[in-house]
Amino acid sequence: MSTSTLTSAQDASDANVKIRIRDLTKVFQTKSGPFVALDTINLDIPTGCFFMIVGPSGCGKTTLLRILAGLEDHSTGSLEITAPAAGRPSNSMVFQGDSLFPWMTVWENAAYGLTMRGRPKSEIKEVVGHYLARTGLSRFHDSYPHQLSGGMRQRVSIARAFANDPDILLMDEPFSALDEQNKVLLQEELLRIWEETRKTVMFITHSVDEAVTLGDRIMIMTAHPGRAKVMVDVPFERPRRVLELRAQPEYGELVYNIWGHLRDEVQRARAQDEGRAS
């Protein structure tokens, strides 16, 4: 049996917990039988935590994010999310691919969430203007998605997510399709914007570098079925500058240690794929 609730913290020990997951399992019914995507996940994510998830392909990372977004039901276990303040959405999601409306301008896309919530025009103008400025898109406000580069389109997606002022920001490999230069620039911009709000973020990535650069805490997942293998606390102070951080010896040591935990799972996932193909 599964449960999913929006709740207020019940006591002082729970006061800083935004997301609580207990024994969460997700089973898909397929033609070849039950497929266990997630197996007994247990998590406490504090309010304001930049939480990263890394793991091999097929380990259930995106499935977990979709469950948190309310786009997928879990099979067993429990999920509790502290209710947002009145008038604020529980979450916004930034997808891996281009999720902009092609018939809308940059401004209209960024304003979409606020518009759908019926916010006053003066508020929309102020908030959207702020986040387009923060993402360097002010002069492109009348442009359409097809007129923008891939990196610029992802900046619009980030501006839209923050402008909607969600309680939780869910990000599914938003920079994976970008070249390294644009990826670093967008990581810098994301960190600057996040410093203003300190929203609770759950961010999926295949990049250990990205996880260490952005995150407060990292969950390393096993190959299928997806379980939490190791939790890693990131010790680096904020605010962070991407290239300066990566120049530190301690940064390289932490990336190396995380790869040590992840390497076996990637190899096991590869062996599973080869077994299914044979």
Protein backbone atom coordinates (compact mmCIF):
# COMPACT_ATOMS: atom_id res chain seq x y z
CA MET A 1 0.00 0.00 0.00
CA SER A 2 1.29 3.47 -0.83
CA THR A 3 0.54 6.82 0.74
CA SER A 4 1.26 10.31 -0.49
CA THR A 5 0.43 13.40 1.52
CA LEU A 6 1.01 17.09 1.88
CA THR A 7 1.54 17.69 5.57
CA SER A 8 2.73 20.26 8.09
CA ALA A 9 5.68 19.39 10.32
CA GLN A 10 4.44 17.76 13.52
CA ASP A 11 7.29 18.47 15.91
CA ALA A 12 10.63 20.24 16.22
CA SER A 13 12.56 17.25 14.85
CA ASP A 14 10.47 17.37 11.66
CA ALA A 15 10.44 21.15 11.29
CA ASN A 16 13.21 21.27 8.70
CA VAL A 17 12.16 18.24 6.63
CA LYS A 18 10.61 19.20 3.31
CA ILE A 19 10.41 15.72 1.73
CA ARG A 20 10.18 12.46 3.69
CA ILE A 21 10.25 9.14 1.85
CA ARG A 22 9.86 5.81 3.64
CA ASP A 23 10.26 2.36 2.03
CA LEU A 24 9.14 3.72 -1.33
CA THR A 25 8.90 1.11 -4.08
CA LYS A 26 7.74 1.44 -7.66
CA VAL A 27 6.78 -1.62 -9.70
CA PHE A 28 5.73 -1.39 -13.35
CA GLN A 29 3.58 -4.14 -14.80
CA THR A 30 5.03 -5.23 -18.17
CA LYS A 31 4.29 -7.98 -20.69
CA SER A 32 7.17 -10.00 -19.27
CA GLY A 33 6.03 -9.52 -15.68
CA PRO A 34 6.58 -7.05 -12.82
CA PHE A 35 9.53 -4.67 -13.22
CA VAL A 36 10.88 -3.15 -9.99
CA ALA A 37 12.12 0.35 -10.86
CA LEU A 38 12.66 1.60 -7.29
CA ASP A 39 13.22 -0.60 -4.27
CA THR A 40 12.74 0.58 -0.68
CA ILE A 41 13.95 4.19 -0.97
CA ASN A 42 14.28 6.08 2.34
CA LEU A 43 15.07 9.81 2.33
CA ASP A 44 14.76 12.92 4.47
CA ILE A 45 15.44 16.07 2.43
CA PRO A 46 15.70 19.29 4.49
CA THR A 47 14.08 22.54 3.46
CA GLY A 48 16.48 24.53 1.26
CA CYS A 49 18.67 21.53 0.43
CA PHE A 50 20.15 21.26 -3.07
CA PHE A 51 19.81 17.49 -3.34
CA MET A 52 21.54 15.64 -6.17
CA ILE A 53 20.90 12.14 -7.49
CA VAL A 54 23.47 10.26 -9.58
CA GLY A 55 23.28 6.72 -10.82
CA PRO A 56 23.58 4.57 -13.92
CA SER A 57 21.00 4.68 -16.70
CA GLY A 58 17.86 2.76 -15.87
CA CYS A 59 18.22 3.00 -12.09
CA GLY A 60 14.91 4.85 -11.58
CA LYS A 61 16.16 8.43 -11.08
CA THR A 62 13.57 10.01 -13.35
CA THR A 63 10.84 7.74 -12.01
CA LEU A 64 11.52 9.05 -8.50
CA LEU A 65 11.37 12.64 -9.75
CA ARG A 66 8.08 11.97 -11.55
CA ILE A 67 6.62 10.51 -8.36
CA LEU A 68 7.59 13.65 -6.45
CA ALA A 69 6.04 15.79 -9.20
CA GLY A 70 2.77 13.87 -8.95
CA LEU A 71 3.15 12.54 -12.51
CA GLU A 72 3.55 8.95 -11.35
CA ASP A 73 2.19 6.92 -8.42
CA HIS A 74 4.43 4.81 -6.22
CA SER A 75 3.47 1.21 -5.50
CA THR A 76 4.24 0.85 -1.79
CA GLY A 77 5.75 2.94 0.99
CA SER A 78 5.02 6.54 1.91
CA LEU A 79 5.83 10.02 0.60
CA GLU A 80 5.27 13.13 2.70
CA ILE A 81 5.89 16.64 1.39
CA THR A 82 5.44 19.66 3.63
CA ALA A 83 2.57 21.74 2.30
CA PRO A 84 3.63 25.00 0.60
CA ALA A 85 2.50 28.42 1.74
CA ALA A 86 -0.94 29.47 0.54
CA GLY A 87 -0.94 30.45 -3.13
CA ARG A 88 2.43 28.85 -3.90
CA PRO A 89 2.65 25.72 -6.11
CA SER A 90 4.13 22.60 -4.55
CA ASN A 91 6.68 22.10 -7.36
CA SER A 92 7.90 23.06 -10.80
CA MET A 93 9.84 20.74 -13.08
CA VAL A 94 12.63 21.49 -15.55
CA PHE A 95 12.95 18.68 -18.07
CA GLN A 96 15.93 17.28 -19.91
CA GLY A 97 14.55 18.21 -23.31
CA ASP A 98 13.08 21.42 -24.67
CA SER A 99 9.74 21.93 -22.90
CA LEU A 100 8.91 25.45 -24.08
CA PHE A 101 5.72 26.30 -25.93
CA PRO A 102 6.90 27.06 -29.49
CA TRP A 103 4.03 29.48 -30.19
CA MET A 104 4.87 31.63 -27.15
CA THR A 105 7.58 34.27 -26.84
CA VAL A 106 10.32 34.09 -24.22
CA TRP A 107 8.31 36.42 -22.00
CA GLU A 108 5.09 34.44 -22.41
CA ASN A 109 6.86 31.15 -21.66
CA ALA A 110 8.53 32.56 -18.56
CA ALA A 111 5.23 34.06 -17.37
CA TYR A 112 3.18 30.92 -18.04
CA GLY A 113 2.95 29.60 -14.48
CA LEU A 114 2.09 32.95 -12.97
CA THR A 115 -0.46 33.63 -15.71
CA MET A 116 -2.18 30.28 -15.16
CA ARG A 117 -2.36 31.03 -11.45
CA GLY A 118 -4.07 34.34 -12.19
CA ARG A 119 -1.43 36.55 -10.61
CA PRO A 120 -1.76 40.33 -11.10
CA LYS A 121 -0.17 41.77 -14.24
CA SER A 122 2.03 44.08 -12.15
CA GLU A 123 3.42 41.09 -10.24
CA ILE A 124 4.01 39.11 -13.43
CA LYS A 125 5.86 42.05 -14.99
CA GLU A 126 8.11 42.48 -11.96
CA VAL A 127 8.86 38.78 -11.36
CA VAL A 128 9.34 37.74 -14.98
CA GLY A 129 11.44 40.81 -15.69
CA HIS A 130 13.66 39.95 -12.73
CA TYR A 131 14.31 36.35 -13.79
CA LEU A 132 14.81 37.18 -17.46
CA ALA A 133 17.42 39.71 -16.34
CA ARG A 134 19.06 37.13 -14.03
CA THR A 135 19.30 34.65 -16.91
CA GLY A 136 20.52 37.24 -19.43
CA LEU A 137 17.40 37.04 -21.59
CA SER A 138 15.87 40.50 -21.22
CA ARG A 139 16.67 41.60 -24.76
CA PHE A 140 15.22 38.36 -26.16
CA HIS A 141 11.85 38.72 -24.43
CA ASP A 142 9.97 38.96 -27.76
CA SER A 143 11.86 36.07 -29.39
CA TYR A 144 10.38 32.62 -30.03
CA PRO A 145 12.04 29.33 -29.00
CA HIS A 146 13.08 28.46 -32.56
CA GLN A 147 15.12 31.68 -32.64
CA LEU A 148 17.16 30.66 -29.57
CA SER A 149 20.10 28.34 -29.02
CA GLY A 150 19.71 25.21 -26.88
CA GLY A 151 21.40 26.90 -23.94
CA MET A 152 19.13 29.93 -24.19
CA ARG A 153 16.02 27.75 -24.29
CA GLN A 154 17.13 26.02 -21.09
CA ARG A 155 17.67 29.44 -19.51
CA VAL A 156 14.05 30.26 -20.34
CA SER A 157 12.99 27.00 -18.67
CA ILE A 158 14.93 27.93 -15.55
CA ALA A 159 13.50 31.46 -15.53
CA ARG A 160 9.98 30.03 -15.86
CA ALA A 161 10.51 27.57 -13.01
CA PHE A 162 11.84 30.18 -10.58
CA ALA A 163 9.28 32.80 -11.63
CA ASN A 164 6.49 30.40 -10.70
CA ASP A 165 7.90 30.43 -7.14
CA PRO A 166 7.45 26.72 -6.39
CA ASP A 167 8.15 25.24 -2.99
CA ILE A 168 10.29 22.53 -4.60
CA LEU A 169 12.24 22.67 -7.86
CA LEU A 170 12.62 19.34 -9.69
CA MET A 171 15.31 19.18 -12.38
CA ASP A 172 15.80 16.19 -14.68
CA GLU A 173 19.25 16.44 -16.30
CA PRO A 174 18.48 19.95 -17.60
CA PHE A 175 22.00 20.58 -18.95
CA SER A 176 22.83 17.14 -20.36
CA ALA A 177 22.38 18.09 -24.02
CA LEU A 178 24.59 21.19 -23.82
CA ASP A 179 28.24 21.60 -24.72
CA GLU A 180 30.65 21.95 -21.83
CA GLN A 181 31.04 25.74 -22.13
CA ASN A 182 27.29 26.39 -22.01
CA LYS A 183 26.88 23.84 -19.24
CA VAL A 184 29.37 25.66 -17.00
CA LEU A 185 27.72 29.03 -17.72
CA LEU A 186 24.27 27.69 -16.87
CA GLN A 187 25.56 26.03 -13.70
CA GLU A 188 26.93 29.41 -12.64
CA GLU A 189 23.61 31.12 -13.41
CA LEU A 190 21.61 28.45 -11.60
CA LEU A 191 23.79 28.81 -8.49
CA ARG A 192 23.40 32.61 -8.51
CA ILE A 193 19.62 32.43 -8.83
CA TRP A 194 19.32 29.67 -6.23
CA GLU A 195 21.34 31.74 -3.73
CA GLU A 196 18.53 34.34 -3.80
CA THR A 197 15.79 31.90 -2.85
CA ARG A 198 17.43 28.79 -1.33
CA LYS A 199 14.59 26.66 -2.65
CA THR A 200 14.54 22.94 -2.04
CA VAL A 201 15.94 21.36 -5.22
CA MET A 202 16.08 17.76 -6.37
CA PHE A 203 18.39 17.53 -9.37
CA ILE A 204 19.16 14.43 -11.45
CA THR A 205 22.45 14.17 -13.29
CA HIS A 206 24.81 11.62 -14.79
CA SER A 207 27.73 13.97 -14.15
CA VAL A 208 29.63 13.55 -10.89
CA ASP A 209 31.28 16.93 -11.53
CA GLU A 210 27.85 18.57 -11.77
CA ALA A 211 26.63 16.84 -8.62
CA VAL A 212 29.59 18.06 -6.57
CA THR A 213 29.52 21.55 -8.10
CA LEU A 214 25.86 22.21 -7.36
CA GLY A 215 24.81 19.99 -4.50
CA ASP A 216 24.64 19.99 -0.73
CA ARG A 217 24.01 16.26 -0.57
CA ILE A 218 24.33 13.50 -3.16
CA MET A 219 22.51 10.18 -3.31
CA ILE A 220 24.33 7.53 -5.34
CA MET A 221 21.91 4.93 -6.66
CA THR A 222 22.49 1.30 -7.53
CA ALA A 223 21.88 -0.27 -10.92
CA HIS A 224 18.42 -1.78 -11.41
CA PRO A 225 16.54 -2.12 -9.20
CA GLY A 226 17.20 1.42 -7.99
CA ARG A 227 18.21 1.65 -4.36
CA ALA A 228 20.09 4.27 -2.36
CA LYS A 229 23.66 2.99 -2.19
CA VAL A 230 25.56 5.86 -0.53
CA MET A 231 24.77 9.37 0.73
CA VAL A 232 27.54 11.94 0.37
CA ASP A 233 27.59 15.36 2.03
CA VAL A 234 29.32 18.06 -0.04
CA PRO A 235 31.53 20.15 2.31
CA PHE A 236 32.25 23.16 0.11
CA GLU A 237 31.02 26.56 1.28
CA ARG A 238 28.59 28.73 -0.61
CA PRO A 239 28.40 30.83 -2.66
CA ARG A 240 30.39 28.78 -5.18
CA ARG A 241 32.19 29.70 -8.37
CA VAL A 242 32.29 26.70 -10.69
CA LEU A 243 35.81 26.96 -12.11
CA GLU A 244 37.37 28.13 -8.84
CA LEU A 245 35.77 25.22 -7.01
CA ARG A 246 37.00 22.69 -9.54
CA ALA A 247 40.56 23.94 -9.15
CA GLN A 248 40.64 22.85 -5.50
CA PRO A 249 42.41 19.56 -4.69
CA GLU A 250 39.59 18.65 -2.29
CA TYR A 251 37.13 18.87 -5.16
CA GLY A 252 39.07 16.33 -7.22
CA GLU A 253 39.34 13.99 -4.24
CA LEU A 254 35.59 14.06 -3.65
CA VAL A 255 34.79 13.46 -7.33
CA TYR A 256 37.23 10.53 -7.33
CA ASN A 257 35.66 9.01 -4.21
CA ILE A 258 32.14 9.30 -5.63
CA TRP A 259 33.26 7.66 -8.86
CA GLY A 260 34.61 4.81 -6.77
CA HIS A 261 31.09 4.15 -5.48
CA LEU A 262 29.43 4.71 -8.86
CA ARG A 263 31.78 2.77 -11.14
CA ASP A 264 30.64 -0.68 -10.02
CA GLU A 265 26.98 0.28 -10.53
CA VAL A 266 27.63 1.60 -14.04
CA GLN A 267 29.44 -1.63 -14.92
CA ARG A 268 26.60 -3.70 -13.45
CA ALA A 269 24.02 -1.70 -15.43
CA ARG A 270 26.04 -2.29 -18.60
CA ALA A 271 26.13 -6.03 -17.91
CA GLN A 272 22.35 -6.02 -17.39
CA ASP A 273 21.85 -4.27 -20.74
CA GLU A 274 24.13 -6.76 -22.51
CA GLY A 275 22.25 -9.64 -20.88
CA ARG A 276 18.90 -8.31 -22.08
CA ALA A 277 20.26 -7.79 -25.60
CA SER A 278 21.67 -11.32 -25.92
